[in-house]
């Protein structure tokens, strides 16, 4: 585990935003991504009868829809043991190979950092 206080301040920020999205919306996952200009995009998981998206894929879609051209980092707050392959692929599609994805517990502690690609 990585203490949140040991993270880079910008990475700590996206973990905090992801955690807040999860709590605020009462959803299983919260995520945040940071683009190459420093803007952040925050989302929760989407579960509708006709549409199911993880929080991370939703955050990536929000970044794309807002004109982001690349990602620097991503964070997801979840009870999941690992970041889903589909989520890593979405981050890699916009951020490229090697984009770090932080997986944090609901308390904000980072359990793993994985790179895309």
Protein backbone atom coordinates (compact mmCIF):
# COMPACT_ATOMS: atom_id res chain seq x y z
CA UNK A 1 0.00 0.00 0.00
CA UNK A 2 1.04 3.58 -0.62
CA UNK A 3 0.08 6.24 1.86
CA UNK A 4 -1.82 9.05 0.15
CA UNK A 5 0.54 11.56 1.77
CA UNK A 6 3.49 9.90 -0.04
CA UNK A 7 1.91 10.53 -3.45
CA UNK A 8 2.73 13.40 -5.72
CA UNK A 9 0.23 16.21 -4.90
CA UNK A 10 -1.36 15.97 -8.36
CA UNK A 11 -1.82 12.21 -8.01
CA UNK A 12 -3.23 12.67 -4.51
CA UNK A 13 -5.71 15.15 -6.01
CA UNK A 14 -7.09 12.66 -8.54
CA UNK A 15 -7.39 9.96 -5.88
CA UNK A 16 -9.32 12.41 -3.68
CA UNK A 17 -11.57 13.42 -6.58
CA UNK A 18 -12.25 9.78 -7.45
CA UNK A 19 -13.05 8.98 -3.84
CA UNK A 20 -15.41 11.96 -3.63
CA UNK A 21 -17.24 10.97 -6.82
CA UNK A 22 -17.81 7.47 -5.45
CA UNK A 23 -19.15 8.73 -2.14
CA UNK A 24 -21.21 11.60 -3.56
CA UNK A 25 -22.96 9.46 -6.15
CA UNK A 26 -23.28 6.31 -4.05
CA UNK A 27 -21.76 4.17 -6.78
CA UNK A 28 -19.36 1.20 -6.57
CA UNK A 29 -16.48 3.06 -8.24
CA UNK A 30 -15.19 6.58 -8.62
CA UNK A 31 -12.48 7.65 -11.04
CA UNK A 32 -10.56 10.70 -12.14
CA UNK A 33 -8.14 11.30 -14.99
CA UNK A 34 -5.70 14.17 -15.56
CA UNK A 35 -4.99 15.31 -19.10
CA UNK A 36 -1.73 16.65 -20.49
CA UNK A 37 -2.74 20.23 -19.65
CA UNK A 38 -3.52 19.43 -16.01
CA UNK A 39 -7.30 19.44 -16.33
CA UNK A 40 -9.14 16.72 -14.44
CA UNK A 41 -12.26 14.77 -15.31
CA UNK A 42 -14.20 12.93 -12.63
CA UNK A 43 -16.87 10.25 -12.92
CA UNK A 44 -18.67 7.45 -11.15
CA UNK A 45 -19.71 4.13 -12.57
CA UNK A 46 -22.83 4.18 -14.75
CA UNK A 47 -25.40 1.44 -14.35
CA UNK A 48 -28.52 1.89 -16.46
CA UNK A 49 -30.63 -0.86 -17.99
CA UNK A 50 -29.17 -0.11 -21.43
CA UNK A 51 -25.74 1.27 -20.49
CA UNK A 52 -23.05 0.01 -18.12
CA UNK A 53 -19.71 1.80 -17.88
CA UNK A 54 -17.00 1.62 -15.28
CA UNK A 55 -16.04 4.85 -13.58
CA UNK A 56 -12.67 4.90 -15.32
CA UNK A 57 -14.10 4.43 -18.81
CA UNK A 58 -16.67 7.15 -18.05
CA UNK A 59 -13.92 9.55 -16.92
CA UNK A 60 -11.92 8.83 -20.09
CA UNK A 61 -15.04 9.43 -22.21
CA UNK A 62 -15.63 12.75 -20.42
CA UNK A 63 -12.04 13.78 -21.14
CA UNK A 64 -12.39 12.89 -24.84
CA UNK A 65 -15.75 14.69 -25.08
CA UNK A 66 -14.12 17.77 -23.55
CA UNK A 67 -11.30 17.81 -26.10
CA UNK A 68 -8.46 16.19 -24.16
CA UNK A 69 -5.71 14.95 -26.44
CA UNK A 70 -3.71 12.87 -23.97
CA UNK A 71 -3.68 11.71 -20.35
CA UNK A 72 -0.94 11.99 -17.74
CA UNK A 73 -2.50 9.76 -15.08
CA UNK A 74 -5.68 8.11 -13.86
CA UNK A 75 -7.06 6.94 -10.53
CA UNK A 76 -9.89 4.61 -9.61
CA UNK A 77 -11.36 4.04 -6.16
CA UNK A 78 -12.93 0.61 -5.91
CA UNK A 79 -13.22 -2.58 -3.90
CA UNK A 80 -11.95 -4.47 -6.96
CA UNK A 81 -8.70 -6.39 -6.62
CA UNK A 82 -7.33 -5.11 -9.93
CA UNK A 83 -8.01 -2.59 -12.68
CA UNK A 84 -10.04 -4.23 -15.44
CA UNK A 85 -8.29 -4.80 -18.75
CA UNK A 86 -11.00 -2.78 -20.55
CA UNK A 87 -10.31 0.18 -18.26
CA UNK A 88 -6.57 0.00 -18.87
CA UNK A 89 -7.24 -0.16 -22.60
CA UNK A 90 -9.40 2.99 -22.47
CA UNK A 91 -6.68 4.88 -20.59
CA UNK A 92 -4.06 3.63 -23.06
CA UNK A 93 -6.19 4.70 -26.03
CA UNK A 94 -5.97 8.32 -24.89
CA UNK A 95 -2.84 8.37 -22.74
CA UNK A 96 -0.64 5.92 -24.57
CA UNK A 97 1.47 3.08 -23.24
CA UNK A 98 2.92 3.67 -19.80
CA UNK A 99 0.19 5.94 -18.45
CA UNK A 100 -0.01 5.26 -14.70
CA UNK A 101 -3.31 4.13 -13.21
CA UNK A 102 -3.65 4.29 -9.42
CA UNK A 103 -5.97 1.75 -7.78
CA UNK A 104 -7.12 2.97 -4.39
CA UNK A 105 -9.28 1.55 -1.63
CA UNK A 106 -12.39 3.38 -0.50
CA UNK A 107 -10.33 4.99 2.28
CA UNK A 108 -8.07 6.56 -0.34
CA UNK A 109 -5.01 4.39 0.26
CA UNK A 110 -3.36 3.40 -3.00
CA UNK A 111 -3.10 -0.38 -3.28
CA UNK A 112 -1.42 -0.55 -6.66
CA UNK A 113 -0.09 1.52 -9.50
CA UNK A 114 -0.20 -0.13 -12.91
CA UNK A 115 0.93 1.19 -16.27
CA UNK A 116 -1.04 0.85 -19.46
CA UNK A 117 0.17 -0.86 -22.55
